[in-house]
Amino acid sequence: MSKKAFIFDLDGVIVDTAKYHFLAWQKLAQELGIEFTPEHNEELKGVSRVRSLEIILALGNVTATDAEKEQWLYQKNQDYLAYIENMDASEILPGVLPILEYIKAKGQWIALGSASKNARPILEKVNIMHLFDAIVDGNDVSNAKPDPEVFVRAAQLLGATNENAIVFEDSVAGIQAANIAHMTSIGIGDAKILHEAQFNFNDFTFIEPSFIDSLLN
């Protein structure tokens, strides 16, 4: 039986850092006199940092020079890093750790495939870095999902074929990326939104070890 590569997205799958991105964007928006609500924040999901800033500036009809934009992007990231500085293992989403440990006990590979440029420090802070055999994050890739680059690179690092890779994702673009690469796609979250996934679970507490076994056979 060839080994499988279980590839996990980070934000919204292993930990919920989305709330910290929201708080950092909201802080910047307030300083610019722009109202930024959780509803507005939905538009930023899976979107690059630069594009996110453009969306927020458009909300307030604010025009800016490239230098101003650079400064605001830097400021937003510093605020975000200050928020995640205090993360610990309690931030791991329910049910994730038992599944990671079960996959490990089965002698399978575990990789991270995330657009986050802060993936490594976050894994360190929540104390699960040791469970990962490979990490591919926003510092390692040039193409955003739905381009499958991040997942393909993770499989390559492990020496796994795409057909033997299984991806856990909470975004539509991430599911599409897994499907484009002919990997098994597992949606974590609302099945109506993630309907392109081959399998769907509300969260990891709904995933039984028997399901992992079925993926291995």
N, C-alpha and C. Protein backbone atom coordinates (compact mmCIF):
# COMPACT_ATOMS: atom_id res chain seq x y z
N MET A 1 0.86 -1.21 0.00
CA MET A 1 0.00 0.00 0.00
C MET A 1 0.88 1.24 0.00
N SER A 2 0.75 2.08 -1.02
CA SER A 2 1.59 3.28 -1.07
C SER A 2 1.09 4.30 -0.04
N LYS A 3 2.05 5.02 0.52
CA LYS A 3 1.71 6.01 1.54
C LYS A 3 0.90 7.14 0.94
N LYS A 4 -0.01 7.67 1.74
CA LYS A 4 -0.83 8.81 1.32
C LYS A 4 -0.29 10.10 1.94
N ALA A 5 -0.50 11.19 1.22
CA ALA A 5 -0.12 12.51 1.74
C ALA A 5 -1.39 13.25 2.14
N PHE A 6 -1.54 13.51 3.42
CA PHE A 6 -2.69 14.27 3.93
C PHE A 6 -2.25 15.73 4.05
N ILE A 7 -2.84 16.58 3.20
CA ILE A 7 -2.42 17.98 3.12
C ILE A 7 -3.50 18.88 3.72
N PHE A 8 -3.12 19.69 4.68
CA PHE A 8 -4.06 20.55 5.39
C PHE A 8 -3.82 22.01 5.07
N ASP A 9 -4.91 22.73 4.79
CA ASP A 9 -4.85 24.19 4.78
C ASP A 9 -4.72 24.62 6.25
N LEU A 10 -4.36 25.84 6.51
CA LEU A 10 -4.16 26.30 7.90
C LEU A 10 -5.36 27.10 8.43
N ASP A 11 -5.58 28.27 7.85
CA ASP A 11 -6.62 29.18 8.36
C ASP A 11 -8.01 28.60 8.11
N GLY A 12 -8.76 28.39 9.19
CA GLY A 12 -10.11 27.88 9.07
C GLY A 12 -10.18 26.37 9.04
N VAL A 13 -9.03 25.71 8.98
CA VAL A 13 -8.99 24.24 8.99
C VAL A 13 -8.33 23.75 10.28
N ILE A 14 -7.11 24.21 10.55
CA ILE A 14 -6.39 23.81 11.76
C ILE A 14 -6.61 24.82 12.88
N VAL A 15 -6.50 26.09 12.54
CA VAL A 15 -6.74 27.17 13.50
C VAL A 15 -7.62 28.23 12.85
N ASP A 16 -8.23 29.06 13.67
CA ASP A 16 -9.06 30.13 13.12
C ASP A 16 -8.34 31.46 13.30
N THR A 17 -7.45 31.76 12.35
CA THR A 17 -6.75 33.04 12.43
C THR A 17 -7.50 34.12 11.66
N ALA A 18 -8.60 33.72 11.00
CA ALA A 18 -9.38 34.69 10.23
C ALA A 18 -9.84 35.86 11.10
N LYS A 19 -10.16 35.54 12.37
CA LYS A 19 -10.65 36.60 13.27
C LYS A 19 -9.57 37.66 13.51
N TYR A 20 -8.30 37.22 13.50
CA TYR A 20 -7.21 38.18 13.73
C TYR A 20 -6.97 39.04 12.49
N HIS A 21 -7.12 38.41 11.32
CA HIS A 21 -7.04 39.21 10.08
C HIS A 21 -8.14 40.27 10.09
N PHE A 22 -9.34 39.85 10.48
CA PHE A 22 -10.48 40.79 10.52
C PHE A 22 -10.19 41.96 11.46
N LEU A 23 -9.71 41.64 12.66
CA LEU A 23 -9.43 42.71 13.64
C LEU A 23 -8.37 43.67 13.13
N ALA A 24 -7.34 43.15 12.46
CA ALA A 24 -6.27 44.00 11.94
C ALA A 24 -6.77 44.88 10.80
N TRP A 25 -7.58 44.29 9.89
CA TRP A 25 -8.15 45.10 8.81
C TRP A 25 -9.12 46.15 9.35
N GLN A 26 -9.91 45.75 10.34
CA GLN A 26 -10.89 46.67 10.91
C GLN A 26 -10.20 47.86 11.57
N LYS A 27 -9.11 47.59 12.27
CA LYS A 27 -8.34 48.65 12.93
C LYS A 27 -7.83 49.65 11.88
N LEU A 28 -7.29 49.14 10.78
CA LEU A 28 -6.79 50.01 9.71
C LEU A 28 -7.94 50.80 9.08
N ALA A 29 -9.05 50.12 8.82
CA ALA A 29 -10.20 50.79 8.20
C ALA A 29 -10.70 51.94 9.08
N GLN A 30 -10.77 51.69 10.38
CA GLN A 30 -11.23 52.74 11.31
C GLN A 30 -10.31 53.95 11.26
N GLU A 31 -9.00 53.69 11.20
CA GLU A 31 -8.04 54.79 11.13
C GLU A 31 -8.20 55.61 9.85
N LEU A 32 -8.72 54.94 8.80
CA LEU A 32 -8.93 55.63 7.52
C LEU A 32 -10.36 56.16 7.40
N GLY A 33 -11.15 56.01 8.49
CA GLY A 33 -12.52 56.50 8.50
C GLY A 33 -13.48 55.66 7.67
N ILE A 34 -13.16 54.38 7.53
CA ILE A 34 -14.00 53.47 6.73
C ILE A 34 -14.68 52.47 7.66
N GLU A 35 -15.99 52.30 7.48
CA GLU A 35 -16.69 51.27 8.27
C GLU A 35 -16.41 49.91 7.64
N PHE A 36 -15.96 48.97 8.47
CA PHE A 36 -15.63 47.63 7.97
C PHE A 36 -16.26 46.59 8.88
N THR A 37 -17.27 45.88 8.36
CA THR A 37 -18.07 44.95 9.17
C THR A 37 -17.69 43.49 8.87
N PRO A 38 -18.16 42.55 9.71
CA PRO A 38 -17.94 41.12 9.40
C PRO A 38 -18.49 40.73 8.03
N GLU A 39 -19.57 41.38 7.61
CA GLU A 39 -20.14 41.09 6.28
C GLU A 39 -19.15 41.52 5.18
N HIS A 40 -18.59 42.70 5.34
CA HIS A 40 -17.56 43.15 4.38
C HIS A 40 -16.39 42.16 4.35
N ASN A 41 -16.06 41.64 5.52
CA ASN A 41 -14.91 40.75 5.66
C ASN A 41 -15.05 39.49 4.82
N GLU A 42 -16.29 39.07 4.58
CA GLU A 42 -16.54 37.87 3.76
C GLU A 42 -15.91 38.02 2.37
N GLU A 43 -15.88 39.25 1.88
CA GLU A 43 -15.33 39.52 0.54
C GLU A 43 -13.81 39.30 0.48
N LEU A 44 -13.18 39.26 1.64
CA LEU A 44 -11.71 39.13 1.67
C LEU A 44 -11.25 37.68 1.76
N LYS A 45 -12.18 36.74 1.89
CA LYS A 45 -11.80 35.33 2.09
C LYS A 45 -11.05 34.80 0.88
N GLY A 46 -9.86 34.26 1.13
CA GLY A 46 -9.06 33.67 0.07
C GLY A 46 -8.47 34.69 -0.90
N VAL A 47 -8.50 35.97 -0.50
CA VAL A 47 -8.03 37.04 -1.37
C VAL A 47 -6.66 37.54 -0.88
N SER A 48 -5.79 37.93 -1.79
CA SER A 48 -4.45 38.39 -1.40
C SER A 48 -4.53 39.66 -0.54
N ARG A 49 -3.44 39.92 0.16
CA ARG A 49 -3.35 41.08 1.05
C ARG A 49 -3.55 42.39 0.26
N VAL A 50 -2.90 42.47 -0.90
CA VAL A 50 -2.98 43.68 -1.73
C VAL A 50 -4.42 43.91 -2.22
N ARG A 51 -5.04 42.82 -2.70
CA ARG A 51 -6.41 42.93 -3.20
C ARG A 51 -7.37 43.27 -2.05
N SER A 52 -7.12 42.72 -0.88
CA SER A 52 -7.95 43.01 0.30
C SER A 52 -7.95 44.50 0.61
N LEU A 53 -6.76 45.10 0.57
CA LEU A 53 -6.65 46.53 0.83
C LEU A 53 -7.44 47.33 -0.21
N GLU A 54 -7.35 46.93 -1.47
CA GLU A 54 -8.08 47.63 -2.54
C GLU A 54 -9.59 47.58 -2.29
N ILE A 55 -10.08 46.43 -1.84
CA ILE A 55 -11.52 46.27 -1.56
C ILE A 55 -11.94 47.22 -0.44
N ILE A 56 -11.12 47.29 0.61
CA ILE A 56 -11.44 48.16 1.76
C ILE A 56 -11.40 49.63 1.36
N LEU A 57 -10.39 50.03 0.59
CA LEU A 57 -10.29 51.42 0.14
C LEU A 57 -11.49 51.79 -0.73
N ALA A 58 -11.94 50.84 -1.56
CA ALA A 58 -13.10 51.08 -2.42
C ALA A 58 -14.37 51.29 -1.59
N LEU A 59 -14.46 50.59 -0.46
CA LEU A 59 -15.62 50.74 0.44
C LEU A 59 -15.76 52.19 0.90
N GLY A 60 -14.61 52.84 1.13
CA GLY A 60 -14.64 54.21 1.63
C GLY A 60 -14.34 55.24 0.57
N ASN A 61 -14.29 54.79 -0.70
CA ASN A 61 -13.93 55.69 -1.80
C ASN A 61 -12.62 56.43 -1.52
N VAL A 62 -11.68 55.72 -0.92
CA VAL A 62 -10.39 56.32 -0.57
C VAL A 62 -9.38 56.03 -1.67
N THR A 63 -8.74 57.06 -2.19
CA THR A 63 -7.65 56.86 -3.14
C THR A 63 -6.33 57.04 -2.41
N ALA A 64 -5.32 56.32 -2.87
CA ALA A 64 -4.04 56.36 -2.16
C ALA A 64 -2.89 56.17 -3.14
N THR A 65 -1.72 56.66 -2.75
CA THR A 65 -0.51 56.43 -3.55
C THR A 65 0.01 55.03 -3.25
N ASP A 66 0.89 54.53 -4.10
CA ASP A 66 1.49 53.22 -3.87
C ASP A 66 2.26 53.20 -2.54
N ALA A 67 2.91 54.32 -2.23
CA ALA A 67 3.68 54.41 -0.98
C ALA A 67 2.75 54.29 0.24
N GLU A 68 1.59 54.96 0.16
CA GLU A 68 0.61 54.86 1.26
C GLU A 68 0.11 53.43 1.41
N LYS A 69 -0.20 52.82 0.27
CA LYS A 69 -0.68 51.43 0.31
C LYS A 69 0.35 50.50 0.95
N GLU A 70 1.61 50.69 0.56
CA GLU A 70 2.70 49.87 1.14
C GLU A 70 2.74 50.04 2.66
N GLN A 71 2.64 51.27 3.10
CA GLN A 71 2.68 51.58 4.53
C GLN A 71 1.51 50.92 5.26
N TRP A 72 0.32 51.00 4.68
CA TRP A 72 -0.88 50.43 5.32
C TRP A 72 -0.81 48.90 5.35
N LEU A 73 -0.28 48.30 4.28
CA LEU A 73 -0.14 46.84 4.24
C LEU A 73 0.83 46.37 5.33
N TYR A 74 1.92 47.14 5.48
CA TYR A 74 2.90 46.82 6.50
C TYR A 74 2.28 46.94 7.89
N GLN A 75 1.54 48.03 8.10
CA GLN A 75 0.89 48.30 9.39
C GLN A 75 -0.11 47.18 9.73
N LYS A 76 -0.92 46.79 8.72
CA LYS A 76 -1.92 45.74 8.94
C LYS A 76 -1.23 44.44 9.37
N ASN A 77 -0.12 44.11 8.69
CA ASN A 77 0.57 42.87 9.01
C ASN A 77 1.20 42.91 10.40
N GLN A 78 1.73 44.08 10.80
CA GLN A 78 2.30 44.20 12.15
C GLN A 78 1.21 44.01 13.21
N ASP A 79 0.03 44.57 12.96
CA ASP A 79 -1.08 44.40 13.90
C ASP A 79 -1.50 42.93 13.97
N TYR A 80 -1.56 42.29 12.82
CA TYR A 80 -1.93 40.87 12.76
C TYR A 80 -0.91 40.02 13.54
N LEU A 81 0.38 40.30 13.32
CA LEU A 81 1.42 39.54 14.01
C LEU A 81 1.34 39.74 15.53
N ALA A 82 0.95 40.94 15.94
CA ALA A 82 0.79 41.20 17.38
C ALA A 82 -0.35 40.35 17.96
N TYR A 83 -1.42 40.18 17.19
CA TYR A 83 -2.54 39.34 17.64
C TYR A 83 -2.12 37.87 17.76
N ILE A 84 -1.42 37.36 16.73
CA ILE A 84 -1.10 35.92 16.75
C ILE A 84 0.05 35.60 17.72
N GLU A 85 0.73 36.64 18.17
CA GLU A 85 1.83 36.44 19.13
C GLU A 85 1.36 35.66 20.36
N ASN A 86 0.09 35.87 20.72
CA ASN A 86 -0.43 35.25 21.96
C ASN A 86 -1.17 33.94 21.73
N MET A 87 -1.08 33.39 20.51
CA MET A 87 -1.76 32.12 20.25
C MET A 87 -1.12 30.98 21.03
N ASP A 88 -1.95 29.99 21.39
CA ASP A 88 -1.41 28.77 22.00
C ASP A 88 -2.25 27.58 21.54
N ALA A 89 -1.97 26.39 22.11
CA ALA A 89 -2.61 25.16 21.64
C ALA A 89 -4.14 25.19 21.77
N SER A 90 -4.66 26.08 22.64
CA SER A 90 -6.12 26.16 22.80
C SER A 90 -6.80 26.68 21.54
N GLU A 91 -6.01 27.26 20.63
CA GLU A 91 -6.57 27.82 19.39
C GLU A 91 -6.76 26.76 18.29
N ILE A 92 -6.27 25.54 18.50
CA ILE A 92 -6.48 24.49 17.50
C ILE A 92 -7.97 24.17 17.46
N LEU A 93 -8.55 24.11 16.27
CA LEU A 93 -9.99 23.89 16.15
C LEU A 93 -10.38 22.49 16.63
N PRO A 94 -11.60 22.35 17.16
CA PRO A 94 -12.04 21.08 17.75
C PRO A 94 -11.92 19.90 16.78
N GLY A 95 -11.38 18.80 17.31
CA GLY A 95 -11.32 17.56 16.54
C GLY A 95 -10.10 17.42 15.64
N VAL A 96 -9.35 18.50 15.46
CA VAL A 96 -8.20 18.46 14.52
C VAL A 96 -7.07 17.59 15.06
N LEU A 97 -6.70 17.79 16.33
CA LEU A 97 -5.54 17.10 16.89
C LEU A 97 -5.70 15.57 16.88
N PRO A 98 -6.86 15.03 17.31
CA PRO A 98 -7.02 13.57 17.25
C PRO A 98 -6.85 13.00 15.84
N ILE A 99 -7.33 13.73 14.83
CA ILE A 99 -7.20 13.25 13.45
C ILE A 99 -5.74 13.30 12.99
N LEU A 100 -5.05 14.40 13.31
CA LEU A 100 -3.63 14.49 12.96
C LEU A 100 -2.85 13.34 13.61
N GLU A 101 -3.15 13.10 14.88
CA GLU A 101 -2.42 12.05 15.61
C GLU A 101 -2.76 10.65 15.08
N TYR A 102 -4.02 10.47 14.64
CA TYR A 102 -4.43 9.18 14.09
C TYR A 102 -3.71 8.92 12.76
N ILE A 103 -3.64 9.95 11.90
CA ILE A 103 -2.95 9.81 10.61
C ILE A 103 -1.47 9.48 10.85
N LYS A 104 -0.88 10.15 11.84
CA LYS A 104 0.53 9.92 12.19
C LYS A 104 0.73 8.48 12.68
N ALA A 105 -0.19 8.02 13.53
CA ALA A 105 -0.10 6.67 14.08
C ALA A 105 -0.22 5.61 12.97
N LYS A 106 -0.91 5.97 11.90
CA LYS A 106 -1.08 5.06 10.76
C LYS A 106 0.14 5.09 9.82
N GLY A 107 1.16 5.88 10.19
CA GLY A 107 2.37 5.92 9.40
C GLY A 107 2.25 6.66 8.09
N GLN A 108 1.27 7.59 8.02
CA GLN A 108 1.05 8.35 6.79
C GLN A 108 1.73 9.71 6.88
N TRP A 109 1.86 10.35 5.71
CA TRP A 109 2.48 11.68 5.66
C TRP A 109 1.47 12.78 5.96
N ILE A 110 1.95 13.85 6.61
CA ILE A 110 1.11 15.03 6.87
C ILE A 110 1.87 16.26 6.36
N ALA A 111 1.16 17.08 5.58
CA ALA A 111 1.78 18.31 5.06
C ALA A 111 0.85 19.49 5.28
N LEU A 112 1.44 20.67 5.26
CA LEU A 112 0.65 21.90 5.29
C LEU A 112 0.71 22.53 3.90
N GLY A 113 -0.45 22.98 3.41
CA GLY A 113 -0.50 23.69 2.13
C GLY A 113 -1.32 24.94 2.33
N SER A 114 -0.64 26.04 2.68
CA SER A 114 -1.35 27.26 3.08
C SER A 114 -0.81 28.49 2.37
N ALA A 115 -1.71 29.43 2.09
CA ALA A 115 -1.29 30.71 1.49
C ALA A 115 -0.68 31.64 2.53
N SER A 116 -0.86 31.32 3.81
CA SER A 116 -0.37 32.19 4.88
C SER A 116 1.15 32.30 4.86
N LYS A 117 1.65 33.53 4.99
CA LYS A 117 3.10 33.71 5.08
C LYS A 117 3.58 33.52 6.53
N ASN A 118 2.62 33.37 7.44
CA ASN A 118 2.96 33.21 8.87
C ASN A 118 2.67 31.78 9.36
N ALA A 119 2.58 30.84 8.44
CA ALA A 119 2.19 29.48 8.81
C ALA A 119 3.15 28.84 9.82
N ARG A 120 4.44 28.97 9.57
CA ARG A 120 5.42 28.31 10.45
C ARG A 120 5.35 28.83 11.89
N PRO A 121 5.38 30.17 12.09
CA PRO A 121 5.28 30.64 13.48
C PRO A 121 3.97 30.23 14.16
N ILE A 122 2.88 30.15 13.38
CA ILE A 122 1.61 29.75 13.99
C ILE A 122 1.66 28.29 14.43
N LEU A 123 2.21 27.41 13.59
CA LEU A 123 2.33 25.99 13.97
C LEU A 123 3.22 25.84 15.20
N GLU A 124 4.25 26.66 15.30
CA GLU A 124 5.13 26.63 16.48
C GLU A 124 4.34 27.03 17.73
N LYS A 125 3.57 28.11 17.60
CA LYS A 125 2.86 28.64 18.77
C LYS A 125 1.81 27.68 19.28
N VAL A 126 1.12 26.96 18.37
CA VAL A 126 0.07 26.03 18.82
C VAL A 126 0.65 24.63 19.05
N ASN A 127 2.00 24.53 18.91
CA ASN A 127 2.75 23.34 19.33
C ASN A 127 2.42 22.07 18.55
N ILE A 128 2.25 22.19 17.21
CA ILE A 128 2.02 20.98 16.40
C ILE A 128 2.99 20.88 15.22
N MET A 129 4.01 21.72 15.21
CA MET A 129 5.00 21.70 14.13
C MET A 129 5.56 20.29 13.90
N HIS A 130 5.78 19.56 15.00
CA HIS A 130 6.42 18.24 14.92
C HIS A 130 5.59 17.20 14.17
N LEU A 131 4.30 17.47 13.99
CA LEU A 131 3.43 16.49 13.32
C LEU A 131 3.52 16.58 11.79
N PHE A 132 4.16 17.65 11.28
CA PHE A 132 4.19 17.89 9.83
C PHE A 132 5.49 17.41 9.20
N ASP A 133 5.33 16.64 8.13
CA ASP A 133 6.49 16.14 7.38
C ASP A 133 6.95 17.13 6.32
N ALA A 134 6.06 18.02 5.90
CA ALA A 134 6.40 19.03 4.91
C ALA A 134 5.51 20.25 5.12
N ILE A 135 6.07 21.42 4.86
CA ILE A 135 5.29 22.66 4.97
C ILE A 135 5.52 23.49 3.72
N VAL A 136 4.42 23.84 3.06
CA VAL A 136 4.48 24.76 1.92
C VAL A 136 3.54 25.91 2.25
N ASP A 137 4.09 27.13 2.31
CA ASP A 137 3.24 28.26 2.68
C ASP A 137 3.41 29.41 1.67
N GLY A 138 2.87 30.54 2.01
CA GLY A 138 2.87 31.68 1.09
C GLY A 138 4.25 32.19 0.71
N ASN A 139 5.28 31.79 1.47
CA ASN A 139 6.64 32.19 1.13
C ASN A 139 7.24 31.31 0.04
N ASP A 140 6.60 30.15 -0.21
CA ASP A 140 7.17 29.14 -1.10
C ASP A 140 6.53 29.10 -2.48
N VAL A 141 5.39 29.75 -2.65
CA VAL A 141 4.67 29.64 -3.92
C VAL A 141 4.40 31.01 -4.52
N SER A 142 4.19 31.03 -5.84
CA SER A 142 3.91 32.31 -6.50
C SER A 142 2.47 32.40 -7.00
N ASN A 143 1.77 31.26 -7.05
CA ASN A 143 0.40 31.26 -7.57
C ASN A 143 -0.61 30.97 -6.46
N ALA A 144 -1.67 31.78 -6.40
CA ALA A 144 -2.70 31.60 -5.38
C ALA A 144 -3.71 30.53 -5.82
N LYS A 145 -4.34 29.87 -4.84
CA LYS A 145 -5.45 28.97 -5.16
C LYS A 145 -6.53 29.78 -5.88
N PRO A 146 -7.23 29.23 -6.88
CA PRO A 146 -7.37 27.81 -7.22
C PRO A 146 -6.23 27.18 -8.01
N ASP A 147 -5.14 27.92 -8.27
CA ASP A 147 -3.97 27.26 -8.84
C ASP A 147 -3.48 26.22 -7.82
N PRO A 148 -3.24 24.98 -8.24
CA PRO A 148 -2.91 23.93 -7.26
C PRO A 148 -1.44 23.90 -6.82
N GLU A 149 -0.67 24.92 -7.18
CA GLU A 149 0.78 24.89 -6.91
C GLU A 149 1.13 24.50 -5.48
N VAL A 150 0.42 25.09 -4.50
CA VAL A 150 0.77 24.86 -3.08
C VAL A 150 0.59 23.38 -2.70
N PHE A 151 -0.44 22.73 -3.23
CA PHE A 151 -0.69 21.33 -2.90
C PHE A 151 0.24 20.40 -3.69
N VAL A 152 0.47 20.74 -4.95
CA VAL A 152 1.36 19.93 -5.80
C VAL A 152 2.77 19.92 -5.22
N ARG A 153 3.23 21.08 -4.77
CA ARG A 153 4.58 21.17 -4.18
C ARG A 153 4.67 20.35 -2.89
N ALA A 154 3.60 20.40 -2.09
CA ALA A 154 3.59 19.63 -0.84
C ALA A 154 3.69 18.13 -1.13
N ALA A 155 2.92 17.66 -2.12
CA ALA A 155 2.98 16.24 -2.49
C ALA A 155 4.36 15.87 -3.01
N GLN A 156 4.93 16.75 -3.83
CA GLN A 156 6.27 16.48 -4.37
C GLN A 156 7.32 16.37 -3.28
N LEU A 157 7.24 17.26 -2.29
CA LEU A 157 8.21 17.22 -1.17
C LEU A 157 8.15 15.88 -0.44
N LEU A 158 6.97 15.28 -0.41
CA LEU A 158 6.79 14.01 0.30
C LEU A 158 7.04 12.80 -0.61
N GLY A 159 7.19 13.06 -1.91
CA GLY A 159 7.36 11.95 -2.84
C GLY A 159 6.06 11.21 -3.11
N ALA A 160 4.92 11.90 -2.95
CA ALA A 160 3.61 11.29 -3.20
C ALA A 160 3.08 11.74 -4.55
N THR A 161 2.33 10.87 -5.22
CA THR A 161 1.66 11.28 -6.45
C THR A 161 0.42 12.10 -6.08
N ASN A 162 -0.08 12.90 -7.03
CA ASN A 162 -1.30 13.67 -6.77
C ASN A 162 -2.47 12.76 -6.42
N GLU A 163 -2.53 11.59 -7.08
CA GLU A 163 -3.63 10.65 -6.83
C GLU A 163 -3.61 10.13 -5.40
N ASN A 164 -2.43 10.14 -4.76
CA ASN A 164 -2.31 9.67 -3.38
C ASN A 164 -2.32 10.81 -2.36
N ALA A 165 -2.79 11.99 -2.81
CA ALA A 165 -2.85 13.15 -1.91
C ALA A 165 -4.30 13.46 -1.55
N ILE A 166 -4.52 13.83 -0.29
CA ILE A 166 -5.85 14.14 0.25
C ILE A 166 -5.78 15.52 0.88
N VAL A 167 -6.67 16.40 0.43
CA VAL A 167 -6.60 17.81 0.85
C VAL A 167 -7.80 18.19 1.72
N PHE A 168 -7.53 18.82 2.86
CA PHE A 168 -8.57 19.35 3.74
C PHE A 168 -8.60 20.87 3.58
N GLU A 169 -9.74 21.41 3.17
CA GLU A 169 -9.85 22.83 2.82
C GLU A 169 -11.18 23.42 3.28
N ASP A 170 -11.17 24.71 3.60
CA ASP A 170 -12.43 25.38 3.99
C ASP A 170 -12.85 26.44 2.98
N SER A 171 -12.08 26.59 1.88
CA SER A 171 -12.44 27.62 0.89
C SER A 171 -12.77 26.99 -0.45
N VAL A 172 -13.63 27.66 -1.20
CA VAL A 172 -14.01 27.18 -2.54
C VAL A 172 -12.77 27.09 -3.43
N ALA A 173 -11.92 28.13 -3.39
CA ALA A 173 -10.71 28.14 -4.23
C ALA A 173 -9.79 26.98 -3.88
N GLY A 174 -9.71 26.64 -2.59
CA GLY A 174 -8.86 25.53 -2.16
C GLY A 174 -9.38 24.18 -2.64
N ILE A 175 -10.69 24.00 -2.57
CA ILE A 175 -11.32 22.76 -3.07
C ILE A 175 -11.08 22.65 -4.58
N GLN A 176 -11.26 23.76 -5.29
CA GLN A 176 -11.04 23.76 -6.74
C GLN A 176 -9.59 23.40 -7.06
N ALA A 177 -8.65 23.93 -6.28
CA ALA A 177 -7.23 23.63 -6.49
C ALA A 177 -6.96 22.14 -6.34
N ALA A 178 -7.54 21.53 -5.30
CA ALA A 178 -7.35 20.09 -5.07
C ALA A 178 -7.94 19.28 -6.23
N ASN A 179 -9.12 19.69 -6.68
CA ASN A 179 -9.77 18.97 -7.78
C ASN A 179 -8.99 19.10 -9.09
N ILE A 180 -8.47 20.30 -9.36
CA ILE A 180 -7.67 20.53 -10.57
C ILE A 180 -6.44 19.60 -10.58
N ALA A 181 -5.87 19.39 -9.38
CA ALA A 181 -4.67 18.54 -9.26
C ALA A 181 -5.01 17.05 -9.19
N HIS A 182 -6.30 16.71 -9.29
CA HIS A 182 -6.75 15.31 -9.19
C HIS A 182 -6.40 14.69 -7.84
N MET A 183 -6.51 15.51 -6.80
CA MET A 183 -6.33 15.02 -5.43
C MET A 183 -7.72 14.81 -4.81
N THR A 184 -7.79 14.04 -3.74
CA THR A 184 -9.06 13.87 -3.03
C THR A 184 -9.35 15.15 -2.25
N SER A 185 -10.54 15.74 -2.46
CA SER A 185 -10.85 17.01 -1.80
C SER A 185 -11.88 16.81 -0.69
N ILE A 186 -11.56 17.33 0.49
CA ILE A 186 -12.44 17.23 1.65
C ILE A 186 -12.75 18.64 2.14
N GLY A 187 -14.01 19.02 2.04
CA GLY A 187 -14.44 20.34 2.47
C GLY A 187 -14.75 20.37 3.95
N ILE A 188 -14.20 21.35 4.65
CA ILE A 188 -14.47 21.54 6.07
C ILE A 188 -15.31 22.81 6.19
N GLY A 189 -16.60 22.65 6.51
CA GLY A 189 -17.48 23.82 6.58
C GLY A 189 -18.80 23.55 5.88
N ASP A 190 -19.45 24.60 5.47
CA ASP A 190 -20.79 24.54 4.89
C ASP A 190 -20.79 23.79 3.56
N ALA A 191 -21.50 22.65 3.52
CA ALA A 191 -21.53 21.81 2.32
C ALA A 191 -22.17 22.52 1.13
N LYS A 192 -23.06 23.47 1.42
CA LYS A 192 -23.71 24.21 0.32
C LYS A 192 -22.70 25.08 -0.41
N ILE A 193 -21.77 25.67 0.36
CA ILE A 193 -20.74 26.52 -0.23
C ILE A 193 -19.63 25.66 -0.86
N LEU A 194 -19.27 24.57 -0.18
CA LEU A 194 -18.15 23.73 -0.62
C LEU A 194 -18.65 22.51 -1.40
N HIS A 195 -19.68 22.70 -2.21
CA HIS A 195 -20.34 21.57 -2.87
C HIS A 195 -19.46 20.87 -3.92
N GLU A 196 -18.35 21.52 -4.31
CA GLU A 196 -17.46 20.88 -5.29
C GLU A 196 -16.54 19.84 -4.65
N ALA A 197 -16.51 19.79 -3.31
CA ALA A 197 -15.66 18.82 -2.61
C ALA A 197 -16.20 17.40 -2.76
N GLN A 198 -15.30 16.43 -2.77
CA GLN A 198 -15.73 15.03 -2.87
C GLN A 198 -16.36 14.55 -1.56
N PHE A 199 -15.86 15.07 -0.46
CA PHE A 199 -16.43 14.75 0.86
C PHE A 199 -16.64 16.06 1.61
N ASN A 200 -17.57 16.06 2.56
CA ASN A 200 -17.84 17.28 3.33
C ASN A 200 -18.09 16.98 4.80
N PHE A 201 -17.50 17.78 5.66
CA PHE A 201 -17.75 17.68 7.10
C PHE A 201 -17.88 19.10 7.65
N ASN A 202 -18.81 19.28 8.57
CA ASN A 202 -18.98 20.59 9.21
C ASN A 202 -17.70 21.03 9.90
N ASP A 203 -17.10 20.10 10.62
CA ASP A 203 -15.79 20.34 11.24
C ASP A 203 -15.18 18.97 11.56
N PHE A 204 -13.99 18.98 12.16
CA PHE A 204 -13.27 17.72 12.37
C PHE A 204 -13.90 16.81 13.42
N THR A 205 -14.79 17.34 14.23
CA THR A 205 -15.43 16.47 15.24
C THR A 205 -16.36 15.46 14.56
N PHE A 206 -16.70 15.71 13.29
CA PHE A 206 -17.56 14.78 12.56
C PHE A 206 -16.76 13.71 11.80
N ILE A 207 -15.44 13.81 11.83
CA ILE A 207 -14.61 12.84 11.09
C ILE A 207 -14.20 11.71 12.02
N GLU A 208 -14.61 10.50 11.65
CA GLU A 208 -14.28 9.30 12.44
C GLU A 208 -12.97 8.68 11.92
N PRO A 209 -12.22 8.00 12.79
CA PRO A 209 -11.03 7.27 12.32
C PRO A 209 -11.35 6.31 11.18
N SER A 210 -12.57 5.73 11.20
CA SER A 210 -12.95 4.80 10.13
C SER A 210 -12.97 5.48 8.76
N PHE A 211 -13.27 6.80 8.74
CA PHE A 211 -13.25 7.53 7.48
C PHE A 211 -11.82 7.64 6.96
N ILE A 212 -10.87 7.91 7.85
CA ILE A 212 -9.45 7.97 7.45
C ILE A 212 -9.03 6.61 6.92
N ASP A 213 -9.46 5.54 7.59
CA ASP A 213 -9.14 4.18 7.13
C ASP A 213 -9.66 3.95 5.71
N SER A 214 -10.87 4.44 5.44
CA SER A 214 -11.47 4.23 4.11
C SER A 214 -10.66 4.94 3.03
N LEU A 215 -10.02 6.06 3.39
CA LEU A 215 -9.19 6.78 2.43
C LEU A 215 -7.87 6.03 2.15
N LEU A 216 -7.45 5.22 3.11
CA LEU A 216 -6.19 4.51 2.98
C LEU A 216 -6.34 3.24 2.15
N ASN A 217 -7.55 2.72 2.08
CA ASN A 217 -7.76 1.45 1.37
C ASN A 217 -8.19 1.70 -0.07
